[in-house]
């Protein structure tokens, strides 16, 4: 679903008796990249200082001492393509969300790409928005009513600030081999543990008898 809220909001559950209080519910979106600095924090270490670490420790959210993530900006990628940017404007308590690209749902308004099977990240399967679609998630969490430039006096200033954040973010990126390419995601049977005769690897080791027979 690209950068839409329905695609990025995956529930997470954390349990740590005696350390984390039970029953805390927080709807603040976080990132998988937050796990690394969280583990480093819990281990008493210090995250590397010679590079940009995009994650933030989750401990204050898990302990209930903070209600908002330490992320001022969150960058929502589809593959390697930046689809949307979230900005938590602390001084106003407003959460802005700008979509640069959105998937073409099939059927339209279905919320998924049923005909393709999976929503593409680029090419003819997405719509690029210029200007971007802007939402105030504080008032419109379902992203149903894009903010119109003609009726929102803050539109230009918000988009300018988000654009600057994107520019600064991209300066921190280092080109690396594509890990999300079709080749890297396709099933590779030669890497699969095999207890039968390759490529027929469907034997069930747990069902073997003590003497090794099935």
Protein backbone atom coordinates (compact mmCIF):
# COMPACT_ATOMS: atom_id res chain seq x y z
CA UNK A 1 0.00 0.00 0.00
CA UNK A 2 2.99 2.32 -0.37
CA UNK A 3 2.96 5.05 2.26
CA UNK A 4 -0.74 4.91 3.16
CA UNK A 5 -1.49 4.51 6.87
CA UNK A 6 -3.24 1.21 6.22
CA UNK A 7 0.01 -0.22 4.89
CA UNK A 8 2.55 1.04 7.39
CA UNK A 9 0.59 0.58 10.65
CA UNK A 10 1.48 -2.97 11.66
CA UNK A 11 0.70 -3.74 15.32
CA UNK A 12 3.54 -4.69 17.64
CA UNK A 13 3.41 -6.31 21.10
CA UNK A 14 6.19 -6.11 23.67
CA UNK A 15 6.20 -8.03 26.97
CA UNK A 16 8.81 -7.63 29.70
CA UNK A 17 7.40 -8.48 33.15
CA UNK A 18 8.90 -6.47 35.98
CA UNK A 19 10.37 -3.86 33.65
CA UNK A 20 7.64 -2.62 31.33
CA UNK A 21 4.22 -1.79 32.79
CA UNK A 22 1.36 -3.89 31.50
CA UNK A 23 -1.63 -2.52 29.64
CA UNK A 24 0.03 0.44 27.93
CA UNK A 25 -1.34 1.13 24.44
CA UNK A 26 0.36 3.64 22.16
CA UNK A 27 -0.75 4.29 18.58
CA UNK A 28 2.43 6.18 17.66
CA UNK A 29 4.02 4.76 14.50
CA UNK A 30 7.64 3.68 14.86
CA UNK A 31 10.19 2.01 12.60
CA UNK A 32 12.00 -1.30 12.41
CA UNK A 33 15.13 0.84 12.43
CA UNK A 34 14.25 1.77 16.03
CA UNK A 35 15.00 -1.76 17.23
CA UNK A 36 18.78 -1.40 16.88
CA UNK A 37 19.19 1.72 19.06
CA UNK A 38 16.68 0.25 21.53
CA UNK A 39 18.75 -2.91 21.99
CA UNK A 40 21.96 -0.87 22.22
CA UNK A 41 20.33 1.33 24.86
CA UNK A 42 19.17 -1.66 26.91
CA UNK A 43 22.63 -3.22 26.71
CA UNK A 44 24.22 -0.05 28.06
CA UNK A 45 26.05 0.70 24.85
CA UNK A 46 26.35 3.72 22.60
CA UNK A 47 25.18 3.73 18.98
CA UNK A 48 27.93 4.40 16.39
CA UNK A 49 28.86 8.06 16.18
CA UNK A 50 30.61 7.92 12.79
CA UNK A 51 27.42 7.59 10.76
CA UNK A 52 23.79 8.65 10.76
CA UNK A 53 21.59 6.28 12.76
CA UNK A 54 18.00 6.72 11.60
CA UNK A 55 16.41 4.81 14.48
CA UNK A 56 15.42 6.10 17.91
CA UNK A 57 15.17 4.13 21.13
CA UNK A 58 11.66 2.84 21.81
CA UNK A 59 12.12 2.60 25.57
CA UNK A 60 10.37 5.89 26.51
CA UNK A 61 7.32 4.86 24.47
CA UNK A 62 7.32 1.35 25.95
CA UNK A 63 7.62 2.70 29.47
CA UNK A 64 4.87 5.23 28.91
CA UNK A 65 7.06 8.24 29.73
CA UNK A 66 6.57 9.65 26.20
CA UNK A 67 3.49 9.63 24.00
CA UNK A 68 5.21 10.73 20.80
CA UNK A 69 8.16 9.17 19.06
CA UNK A 70 11.46 11.06 19.02
CA UNK A 71 11.23 11.09 15.22
CA UNK A 72 10.41 14.55 13.94
CA UNK A 73 10.29 13.15 10.41
CA UNK A 74 9.63 9.62 9.20
CA UNK A 75 10.33 8.61 5.62
CA UNK A 76 8.05 5.92 4.21
CA UNK A 77 9.66 3.97 1.39
CA UNK A 78 8.22 1.47 -1.02
CA UNK A 79 11.27 -0.55 -1.96
CA UNK A 80 13.89 2.11 -2.65
CA UNK A 81 11.34 4.74 -3.71
CA UNK A 82 10.29 7.43 -1.24
CA UNK A 83 6.50 7.44 -1.28
CA UNK A 84 5.57 9.56 1.72
CA UNK A 85 6.96 11.70 4.53
CA UNK A 86 5.48 12.23 8.00
CA UNK A 87 6.25 15.38 9.99
CA UNK A 88 5.36 15.79 13.63
CA UNK A 89 5.24 19.56 14.11
CA UNK A 90 5.84 19.74 17.84
CA UNK A 91 5.06 23.42 18.35
CA UNK A 92 1.55 22.94 16.89
CA UNK A 93 0.98 19.31 17.88
CA UNK A 94 0.11 18.62 14.23
CA UNK A 95 1.06 15.54 12.23
CA UNK A 96 1.46 16.26 8.52
CA UNK A 97 1.79 13.57 5.88
CA UNK A 98 2.88 14.25 2.29
CA UNK A 99 2.51 11.60 -0.42
CA UNK A 100 4.86 11.92 -3.39
CA UNK A 101 3.63 8.70 -5.00
CA UNK A 102 0.71 6.37 -4.37
CA UNK A 103 -0.13 2.91 -5.80
CA UNK A 104 -2.87 2.56 -8.39
CA UNK A 105 -5.33 0.30 -6.61
CA UNK A 106 -7.17 -2.34 -8.64
CA UNK A 107 -10.12 -2.04 -8.50
CA UNK A 108 -10.04 1.65 -7.71
CA UNK A 109 -10.81 2.50 -4.06
CA UNK A 110 -10.31 -1.14 -3.08
CA UNK A 111 -7.26 -0.38 -0.94
CA UNK A 112 -5.21 -3.10 -2.63
CA UNK A 113 -3.84 -4.22 -6.01
CA UNK A 114 -5.91 -7.35 -6.53
CA UNK A 115 -5.34 -7.62 -10.28
CA UNK A 116 -1.53 -7.40 -9.96
CA UNK A 117 -1.36 -9.37 -6.74
CA UNK A 118 1.04 -6.87 -5.22
CA UNK A 119 1.23 -3.09 -5.43
CA UNK A 120 4.30 -1.91 -7.37
CA UNK A 121 6.59 0.80 -6.03
CA UNK A 122 7.29 2.57 -9.32
CA UNK A 123 6.48 2.60 -13.02
CA UNK A 124 3.00 2.52 -14.48
CA UNK A 125 1.57 1.08 -11.27
CA UNK A 126 1.91 4.31 -9.26
CA UNK A 127 0.71 7.89 -9.51
CA UNK A 128 3.23 10.68 -8.90
CA UNK A 129 1.78 13.77 -7.25
CA UNK A 130 3.03 17.28 -7.99
CA UNK A 131 2.32 18.97 -5.70
CA UNK A 132 2.28 16.07 -3.24
CA UNK A 133 -0.93 14.98 -1.54
CA UNK A 134 -0.88 16.60 1.89
CA UNK A 135 -2.92 15.42 4.88
CA UNK A 136 -3.30 16.62 8.45
CA UNK A 137 -3.35 13.29 10.25
CA UNK A 138 -4.27 15.04 13.48
CA UNK A 139 -7.68 15.83 11.97
CA UNK A 140 -7.87 13.26 9.19
CA UNK A 141 -6.21 9.98 10.32
CA UNK A 142 -7.93 8.03 7.52
CA UNK A 143 -6.29 10.22 4.85
CA UNK A 144 -9.58 10.83 3.08
CA UNK A 145 -9.41 14.59 2.51
CA UNK A 146 -6.22 15.97 0.94
CA UNK A 147 -5.46 19.53 1.98
CA UNK A 148 -6.04 21.97 -0.87
CA UNK A 149 -3.48 24.70 -1.38
CA UNK A 150 -6.15 27.29 -2.13
CA UNK A 151 -7.85 26.79 1.24
CA UNK A 152 -4.87 25.99 3.51
CA UNK A 153 -2.58 28.97 4.14
CA UNK A 154 0.06 26.68 5.69
CA UNK A 155 0.34 24.46 2.62
CA UNK A 156 3.42 26.12 1.12
CA UNK A 157 5.30 26.47 4.40
CA UNK A 158 4.58 22.85 5.37
CA UNK A 159 5.69 21.50 2.00
CA UNK A 160 8.80 23.67 2.09
CA UNK A 161 9.78 22.27 5.49
CA UNK A 162 9.10 18.69 4.43
CA UNK A 163 11.05 19.22 1.22
CA UNK A 164 14.03 20.50 3.19
CA UNK A 165 13.88 17.43 5.45
CA UNK A 166 13.86 15.14 2.41
CA UNK A 167 16.88 16.95 0.98
CA UNK A 168 18.79 16.62 4.27
CA UNK A 169 17.77 12.97 4.60
CA UNK A 170 19.03 12.07 1.12
CA UNK A 171 22.44 13.60 1.88
CA UNK A 172 22.89 10.94 4.58
CA UNK A 173 22.21 8.00 2.26
CA UNK A 174 25.04 5.88 0.91
CA UNK A 175 24.48 3.79 -2.25
CA UNK A 176 24.46 0.07 -1.47
CA UNK A 177 23.60 -3.08 -3.47
CA UNK A 178 19.88 -3.41 -3.95
CA UNK A 179 18.60 -5.86 -1.33
CA UNK A 180 14.96 -5.65 -2.43
CA UNK A 181 15.52 -6.52 -6.10
CA UNK A 182 13.42 -9.30 -7.67
CA UNK A 183 16.48 -11.58 -7.76
CA UNK A 184 17.13 -11.14 -4.04
CA UNK A 185 13.49 -11.82 -3.17
CA UNK A 186 12.78 -14.77 -5.45
CA UNK A 187 12.73 -18.25 -3.96
CA UNK A 188 16.16 -19.94 -4.25
CA UNK A 189 15.67 -23.69 -3.76
CA UNK A 190 19.44 -24.32 -3.80
CA UNK A 191 19.70 -22.37 -0.54
CA UNK A 192 16.93 -24.34 1.15
CA UNK A 193 17.94 -27.01 3.68
CA UNK A 194 17.15 -30.32 2.03
CA UNK A 195 16.75 -33.69 3.71
CA UNK A 196 15.51 -35.44 0.56
CA UNK A 197 16.81 -35.65 -2.99
CA UNK A 198 17.14 -32.14 -4.42
CA UNK A 199 14.91 -30.48 -5.52
CA UNK A 200 12.35 -32.68 -3.72
CA UNK A 201 12.81 -31.37 -0.19
CA UNK A 202 9.46 -32.21 1.33
CA UNK A 203 10.56 -34.93 3.79
CA UNK A 204 9.56 -34.46 7.41
CA UNK A 205 12.47 -35.17 9.75
CA UNK A 206 10.20 -35.05 12.81
CA UNK A 207 8.19 -38.00 11.54
CA UNK A 208 11.20 -40.32 11.22
CA UNK A 209 11.44 -43.33 13.51
CA UNK A 210 14.33 -43.99 15.83
CA UNK A 211 15.99 -46.24 13.27
CA UNK A 212 15.90 -43.48 10.67
CA UNK A 213 13.05 -44.91 8.57
CA UNK A 214 9.91 -42.96 7.82
